[in-house]
Every structure is written in C-alpha cells, then in structure tokens.
C-alpha cells in the first residue's frame, strides 16, 4: 500500500521517468517518510501506554543494579528483543532517561536495540550460517555493554537536555494513578509531544537517505573499501554513517558486499555503523543529548566499531 502511494506520487503526479536518479530518490523519500512516521507514532504510543502501567521506579530497580555492569548487560539483552531501527529506539531511550535509569545503561540499550535483534539473527543465520551470526551477536552485545559502561563511568548526565528530566518530574506521579482511558490519552499526548520535537529532524534524515539511495552507485563501497585496502574498515564505517536502515534492511546489502569479496570484519563494521551510528539517528538524538555527549557517543562507537572490524579481519 505504501509503495503504491510513493510510486503514484513519483511517477503519476510528478511524472518522473522510471529508473532515473531523481525518481529513485523521491520514491525512497516518500515511501520512507510515510513508513517511518507511522512506525514512530505506533511505537511511541505503545511504549507510552505500557510505561503508564509501570511506575518508573520499578523499571529503574530492574536496570539500576548495584553492580552497574549488570544493568548494562540487562539493557543490552533487552535491546535484542526490541526489533526497532535506531530512530524508533530513541523514544524508549528517552523513557529510560526519564525513569532515572543510569545514563550508561540507557546507552547500552540504545546501541543494542537497532544493532542486534531477532529479525537480524534469523536473517543472518539464513544467509551466513551460525558462525557469522554468533560473531555478530557477540560483538554487538560487547559493543553495547562496554560502550554503555564507558559513558556511565564518565558521568555525563549534565549533557542530557533539561526538558527530558523536567518532563519526567512533571508527569511521573500522575501516570500511575490514571484510568485506562486516561492512560491512552497520556500516550496520545506523549506521542504528539515527541513527534513535534523530532519531525523536522526525521524529514531531514530521510532526505539524506533518499539522496544516497538515488545518487550513490551500488558498487561505491566495494570500489573504495575492497580487499587489500588497509583503510577499508574506517572507510566502510564512514560510508555507513550517512545511511538509514535497520539491521534487517541492511543484511541483504551486507550479503551482496560479501559476495563481491569484502572481508567479514569490514562488512560487520559497515553493518554496525549503519544500524547503531547512522547520521539520521544522530540528528534525532540531538534533540535529547547536548552536543558534547553526542560527540562522546559518536567517538566511542566509531573507535569501538573500527576495532571490531580490524579484529575480525585478522582472525577470520
């Protein structure tokens, strides 16, 4: 249905020619704009409704373990069973911060959720077998756990936007006492509020993705990050950052890249960059995090993912 709408807009209303760069870019933009806003609206509404049934302190107790690394592990594992793309994981991340869960623990979830989930696991196993699947799951969890631990140790809560904490303090008590109808109204208001804050950033992010989809050649990555290039891993990471896709969406691309001869470590680094370090995610996260914290997050993730890429190129 959504595809028919995007194609009708692109090829019937705008009368663009099939197969042109502009047509491909606009078709992608229209389709993904509708899809992502529907997805975001549904997920934010569901998450807000569920949150209204659980006192924030309960969630805080589960993930705020006395030994903080246990909280990081639990949050990373929780990310596996939430099959969200990076942008749709952000509302849940906001909810964790609002609930007072340690910042490092929330980042473990934010990293794990888009990078490792059951859909990606099934597709990886079907295309590459158990070995590559196990490697990806293991490295994804390690990146999420240790990335969150580092951010937690740095004590960077002051670089979270103030409205996130204010939003929590104003609404925490009211949510617990509401009737079901009032909870739904709360979820609706919360959905509208978050979408108002991020809609322009989402549009910009999708526009960037549409441009890349329509104008960047399919063999671009292979051309610049192919076998024999000692800088293949950082190049793959840098090229993956502007892209927008969830783990399931990028796996077919990963399969094609490996078929063309890219090494496993380079491909895994590219996949991690697309799913957990994408520029569209950074744009949306900017509404929650101040620039210094965003820069720290990007720096830690970049170094970690590149290290993972080189490690697996060396051992596989």
Protein backbone atom coordinates (compact mmCIF):
# COMPACT_ATOMS: atom_id res chain seq x y z
CA UNK A 1 0.00 0.00 0.00
CA UNK A 2 2.73 2.46 0.99
CA UNK A 3 4.75 1.51 -2.06
CA UNK A 4 1.77 2.20 -4.32
CA UNK A 5 1.36 5.64 -2.73
CA UNK A 6 5.02 6.54 -3.21
CA UNK A 7 5.00 5.27 -6.80
CA UNK A 8 1.76 7.13 -7.59
CA UNK A 9 3.25 10.36 -6.21
CA UNK A 10 6.58 9.91 -8.01
CA UNK A 11 5.54 8.54 -11.39
CA UNK A 12 1.93 9.70 -11.83
CA UNK A 13 1.70 13.06 -10.09
CA UNK A 14 5.27 14.22 -10.71
CA UNK A 15 5.52 12.23 -13.96
CA UNK A 16 9.14 11.31 -13.40
CA UNK A 17 10.77 8.64 -15.52
CA UNK A 18 11.35 5.20 -14.03
CA UNK A 19 15.00 4.41 -13.28
CA UNK A 20 16.26 7.99 -13.04
CA UNK A 21 18.26 9.12 -10.02
CA UNK A 22 15.71 11.78 -9.07
CA UNK A 23 12.78 9.38 -9.34
CA UNK A 24 14.55 6.76 -7.20
CA UNK A 25 15.43 9.37 -4.58
CA UNK A 26 11.89 10.81 -4.39
CA UNK A 27 10.25 7.37 -4.38
CA UNK A 28 12.52 6.36 -1.47
CA UNK A 29 11.84 9.64 0.37
CA UNK A 30 8.04 9.44 0.11
CA UNK A 31 7.89 5.74 0.99
CA UNK A 32 10.24 6.01 3.98
CA UNK A 33 8.68 9.23 5.28
CA UNK A 34 5.24 7.61 5.49
CA UNK A 35 6.62 4.32 6.84
CA UNK A 36 8.85 5.88 9.49
CA UNK A 37 6.25 8.30 10.82
CA UNK A 38 3.69 5.51 11.07
CA UNK A 39 6.26 3.31 12.79
CA UNK A 40 7.36 6.07 15.15
CA UNK A 41 3.78 7.01 16.04
CA UNK A 42 2.77 3.41 16.76
CA UNK A 43 5.89 2.61 18.77
CA UNK A 44 5.82 5.82 20.82
CA UNK A 45 2.11 5.30 21.56
CA UNK A 46 2.58 1.65 22.58
CA UNK A 47 5.65 2.39 24.68
CA UNK A 48 3.92 5.34 26.37
CA UNK A 49 0.86 3.21 27.14
CA UNK A 50 2.96 0.40 28.59
CA UNK A 51 5.01 2.85 30.62
CA UNK A 52 1.84 4.25 32.17
CA UNK A 53 1.20 0.87 33.85
CA UNK A 54 4.63 0.63 35.43
CA UNK A 55 5.97 3.09 37.98
CA UNK A 56 9.27 4.47 36.70
CA UNK A 57 10.91 3.31 39.91
CA UNK A 58 10.14 -0.33 39.04
CA UNK A 59 11.96 -0.11 35.72
CA UNK A 60 14.72 1.78 37.46
CA UNK A 61 15.12 -1.01 40.04
CA UNK A 62 15.38 -3.70 37.35
CA UNK A 63 18.06 -1.95 35.29
CA UNK A 64 19.74 0.01 38.08
CA UNK A 65 21.59 -2.95 39.57
CA UNK A 66 24.03 -2.38 42.44
CA UNK A 67 26.74 -3.57 40.11
CA UNK A 68 26.27 -1.20 37.20
CA UNK A 69 27.71 -3.56 34.60
CA UNK A 70 24.82 -5.97 35.37
CA UNK A 71 22.44 -3.18 34.36
CA UNK A 72 24.40 -2.69 31.14
CA UNK A 73 24.16 -6.40 30.37
CA UNK A 74 20.40 -6.49 31.08
CA UNK A 75 19.81 -3.39 28.93
CA UNK A 76 21.86 -4.82 26.06
CA UNK A 77 19.91 -8.10 26.24
CA UNK A 78 16.63 -6.17 26.34
CA UNK A 79 17.71 -4.50 23.11
CA UNK A 80 17.79 -7.89 21.37
CA UNK A 81 14.05 -8.46 21.92
CA UNK A 82 13.06 -4.97 20.76
CA UNK A 83 13.25 -5.15 16.94
CA UNK A 84 13.43 -1.41 16.36
CA UNK A 85 15.53 0.63 13.98
CA UNK A 86 17.82 3.23 15.54
CA UNK A 87 15.36 6.10 15.18
CA UNK A 88 12.43 4.24 16.74
CA UNK A 89 14.60 3.08 19.67
CA UNK A 90 15.09 6.72 20.66
CA UNK A 91 11.62 7.13 22.30
CA UNK A 92 12.31 4.13 24.54
CA UNK A 93 15.73 5.60 25.31
CA UNK A 94 14.01 8.84 26.36
CA UNK A 95 11.69 6.83 28.62
CA UNK A 96 14.66 5.17 30.32
CA UNK A 97 16.32 8.54 30.95
CA UNK A 98 13.04 9.95 32.29
CA UNK A 99 12.73 6.98 34.67
CA UNK A 100 16.08 7.83 36.19
CA UNK A 101 17.93 4.78 34.86
CA UNK A 102 21.72 5.39 34.78
CA UNK A 103 22.78 7.05 31.56
CA UNK A 104 25.35 4.40 30.68
CA UNK A 105 22.70 1.67 30.99
CA UNK A 106 20.34 3.54 28.66
CA UNK A 107 23.12 3.79 26.09
CA UNK A 108 23.69 0.03 26.26
CA UNK A 109 20.06 -0.38 25.22
CA UNK A 110 20.27 2.31 22.54
CA UNK A 111 23.28 0.61 20.95
CA UNK A 112 21.98 -2.95 21.19
CA UNK A 113 18.38 -2.39 20.08
CA UNK A 114 18.99 -1.44 16.44
CA UNK A 115 22.18 -3.45 16.08
CA UNK A 116 21.07 -6.88 17.34
CA UNK A 117 17.51 -8.21 17.26
CA UNK A 118 15.70 -11.44 16.49
CA UNK A 119 14.89 -10.44 12.91
CA UNK A 120 18.55 -9.75 12.18
CA UNK A 121 19.57 -13.00 13.87
CA UNK A 122 17.20 -15.09 11.72
CA UNK A 123 18.30 -13.39 8.50
CA UNK A 124 21.98 -13.61 9.37
CA UNK A 125 21.68 -17.30 10.16
CA UNK A 126 19.81 -17.96 6.92
CA UNK A 127 22.36 -16.13 4.77
CA UNK A 128 25.68 -16.76 6.52
CA UNK A 129 25.23 -19.66 8.96
CA UNK A 130 25.76 -19.93 12.70
CA UNK A 131 29.39 -18.81 12.84
CA UNK A 132 28.94 -15.30 11.39
CA UNK A 133 25.64 -14.97 13.29
CA UNK A 134 27.27 -15.83 16.61
CA UNK A 135 30.16 -13.46 15.90
CA UNK A 136 27.81 -10.61 15.10
CA UNK A 137 25.62 -11.19 18.17
CA UNK A 138 28.64 -11.44 20.45
CA UNK A 139 30.38 -8.36 19.11
CA UNK A 140 27.14 -6.37 19.04
CA UNK A 141 26.48 -7.13 22.70
CA UNK A 142 30.09 -6.37 23.66
CA UNK A 143 29.97 -3.01 21.87
CA UNK A 144 26.67 -2.19 23.60
CA UNK A 145 27.82 -3.26 27.07
CA UNK A 146 31.26 -1.65 27.04
CA UNK A 147 30.08 1.46 25.18
CA UNK A 148 27.45 1.97 27.88
CA UNK A 149 29.95 1.25 30.66
CA UNK A 150 32.38 3.87 29.36
CA UNK A 151 29.67 6.52 29.05
CA UNK A 152 28.42 5.63 32.54
CA UNK A 153 31.88 5.99 34.07
CA UNK A 154 32.31 9.43 32.51
CA UNK A 155 29.23 10.77 34.43
CA UNK A 156 27.84 12.86 31.58
CA UNK A 157 24.24 13.35 32.81
CA UNK A 158 24.70 17.14 32.70
CA UNK A 159 24.83 16.87 28.90
CA UNK A 160 21.31 15.47 28.58
CA UNK A 161 18.77 18.11 27.53
CA UNK A 162 17.00 19.53 30.62
CA UNK A 163 13.47 19.04 29.24
CA UNK A 164 13.88 15.24 29.43
CA UNK A 165 14.27 15.31 33.20
CA UNK A 166 11.66 18.05 33.59
CA UNK A 167 9.16 16.01 31.54
CA UNK A 168 9.69 13.09 33.92
CA UNK A 169 9.32 15.09 37.14
CA UNK A 170 6.09 16.73 35.99
CA UNK A 171 4.30 13.53 34.92
CA UNK A 172 5.67 10.60 36.93
CA UNK A 173 3.08 10.60 39.73
CA UNK A 174 0.07 11.29 37.51
CA UNK A 175 0.75 8.35 35.19
CA UNK A 176 0.48 5.77 37.99
CA UNK A 177 -2.98 6.99 39.17
CA UNK A 178 -4.71 7.20 35.77
CA UNK A 179 -7.62 5.13 34.45
CA UNK A 180 -7.13 3.16 31.24
CA UNK A 181 -8.84 5.89 29.19
CA UNK A 182 -6.59 8.48 30.79
CA UNK A 183 -3.55 6.32 30.08
CA UNK A 184 -4.48 6.23 26.39
CA UNK A 185 -4.87 9.99 26.42
CA UNK A 186 -1.47 10.29 28.08
CA UNK A 187 0.04 8.04 25.39
CA UNK A 188 -1.56 10.16 22.67
CA UNK A 189 -0.26 13.40 24.21
CA UNK A 190 3.20 11.90 24.68
CA UNK A 191 3.27 10.72 21.06
CA UNK A 192 2.28 14.14 19.75
CA UNK A 193 4.78 15.88 22.02
CA UNK A 194 7.74 13.73 20.93
CA UNK A 195 6.80 13.91 17.23
CA UNK A 196 6.57 17.70 17.46
CA UNK A 197 10.12 17.76 18.79
CA UNK A 198 11.68 15.47 16.20
CA UNK A 199 9.59 15.65 12.98
CA UNK A 200 11.81 18.13 11.15
CA UNK A 201 14.95 16.18 12.04
CA UNK A 202 13.37 12.97 10.80
CA UNK A 203 12.43 14.62 7.49
CA UNK A 204 15.99 15.89 7.04
CA UNK A 205 17.40 12.46 7.86
CA UNK A 206 15.15 10.68 5.37
CA UNK A 207 16.00 13.27 2.74
CA UNK A 208 19.69 12.47 3.16
CA UNK A 209 18.92 8.77 2.88
CA UNK A 210 16.85 9.38 -0.26
CA UNK A 211 19.69 11.29 -1.90
CA UNK A 212 22.14 8.49 -1.14
CA UNK A 213 19.67 5.87 -2.37
CA UNK A 214 19.10 7.66 -5.66
CA UNK A 215 22.53 9.05 -6.50
CA UNK A 216 25.23 6.90 -4.84
CA UNK A 217 26.30 3.96 -7.09
CA UNK A 218 25.69 0.46 -5.73
CA UNK A 219 29.35 -0.52 -6.08
CA UNK A 220 30.58 2.62 -4.30
CA UNK A 221 31.57 0.81 -1.10
CA UNK A 222 33.26 -2.06 -2.93
CA UNK A 223 35.23 0.43 -5.01
CA UNK A 224 36.73 2.24 -2.01
CA UNK A 225 36.75 -0.40 0.75
CA UNK A 226 37.58 -3.53 -1.17
CA UNK A 227 40.08 -6.27 -0.33
CA UNK A 228 43.69 -5.15 0.08
CA UNK A 229 42.92 -1.63 1.29
CA UNK A 230 44.40 -1.23 4.83
CA UNK A 231 41.91 1.59 5.47
CA UNK A 232 38.90 -0.46 4.32
CA UNK A 233 37.36 -0.69 7.82
CA UNK A 234 37.31 3.05 8.68
CA UNK A 235 36.17 3.83 5.13
CA UNK A 236 33.31 1.34 5.47
CA UNK A 237 32.32 2.89 8.81
CA UNK A 238 32.40 6.42 7.40
CA UNK A 239 30.34 5.37 4.39
CA UNK A 240 27.83 3.57 6.61
CA UNK A 241 27.18 6.55 8.88
CA UNK A 242 25.01 8.59 6.44
CA UNK A 243 22.80 5.62 5.61
CA UNK A 244 19.48 4.86 7.28
CA UNK A 245 18.37 1.24 7.69
CA UNK A 246 17.53 -1.25 10.42
CA UNK A 247 19.50 -4.47 10.81
CA UNK A 248 17.03 -6.46 8.72
CA UNK A 249 17.14 -3.89 5.93
CA UNK A 250 20.92 -3.72 5.70
CA UNK A 251 21.56 -7.50 5.77
CA UNK A 252 20.79 -8.00 2.03
CA UNK A 253 23.31 -5.23 1.29
CA UNK A 254 25.83 -6.92 3.56
CA UNK A 255 25.29 -10.23 1.76
CA UNK A 256 25.86 -8.56 -1.62
CA UNK A 257 29.06 -6.92 -0.34
CA UNK A 258 30.45 -10.22 0.93
CA UNK A 259 29.57 -11.82 -2.40
CA UNK A 260 31.66 -9.12 -4.08
CA UNK A 261 34.67 -10.04 -1.94
CA UNK A 262 34.61 -7.66 1.02
CA UNK A 263 36.15 -9.17 4.16
CA UNK A 264 33.93 -10.20 7.06
CA UNK A 265 35.30 -7.64 9.51
CA UNK A 266 34.82 -4.77 7.05
CA UNK A 267 31.25 -5.83 6.33
CA UNK A 268 30.41 -6.23 10.04
CA UNK A 269 31.84 -2.77 10.76
CA UNK A 270 29.75 -1.31 7.92
CA UNK A 271 26.61 -3.00 9.25
CA UNK A 272 27.24 -1.76 12.80
CA UNK A 273 27.82 1.79 11.55
CA UNK A 274 24.57 1.77 9.55
CA UNK A 275 22.46 0.39 12.39
CA UNK A 276 23.98 2.00 15.50
CA UNK A 277 25.88 5.07 14.29
CA UNK A 278 23.76 6.41 11.46
CA UNK A 279 23.65 10.16 10.80
CA UNK A 280 19.82 10.15 10.88
CA UNK A 281 19.96 8.70 14.40
CA UNK A 282 22.43 11.38 15.44
CA UNK A 283 20.08 14.08 14.15
CA UNK A 284 17.21 12.71 16.24
CA UNK A 285 19.40 12.10 19.30
CA UNK A 286 20.48 15.74 19.16
CA UNK A 287 17.00 16.62 20.46
CA UNK A 288 17.75 14.62 23.60
CA UNK A 289 21.52 14.98 24.03
CA UNK A 290 23.69 18.07 24.08
CA UNK A 291 26.50 18.22 21.54
CA UNK A 292 29.35 17.23 23.91
CA UNK A 293 27.58 13.99 24.92
CA UNK A 294 26.62 13.26 21.33
CA UNK A 295 30.27 13.74 20.32
CA UNK A 296 31.45 11.40 23.09
CA UNK A 297 28.92 8.76 21.98
CA UNK A 298 29.97 9.02 18.34
CA UNK A 299 33.66 8.90 19.24
CA UNK A 300 33.35 5.81 21.45
CA UNK A 301 31.19 3.98 18.92
CA UNK A 302 33.45 4.85 15.98
CA UNK A 303 36.62 3.65 17.71
CA UNK A 304 34.92 0.50 19.01
CA UNK A 305 33.35 -0.49 15.68
CA UNK A 306 36.61 0.10 13.76
CA UNK A 307 38.47 -2.03 16.33
CA UNK A 308 35.90 -4.82 15.92
CA UNK A 309 36.31 -4.66 12.13
CA UNK A 310 40.10 -4.94 12.25
CA UNK A 311 39.94 -7.72 14.86
CA UNK A 312 37.69 -9.94 12.79
CA UNK A 313 39.59 -9.24 9.59
CA UNK A 314 42.65 -10.52 11.43
CA UNK A 315 41.12 -13.72 12.83
CA UNK A 316 38.74 -14.76 10.03
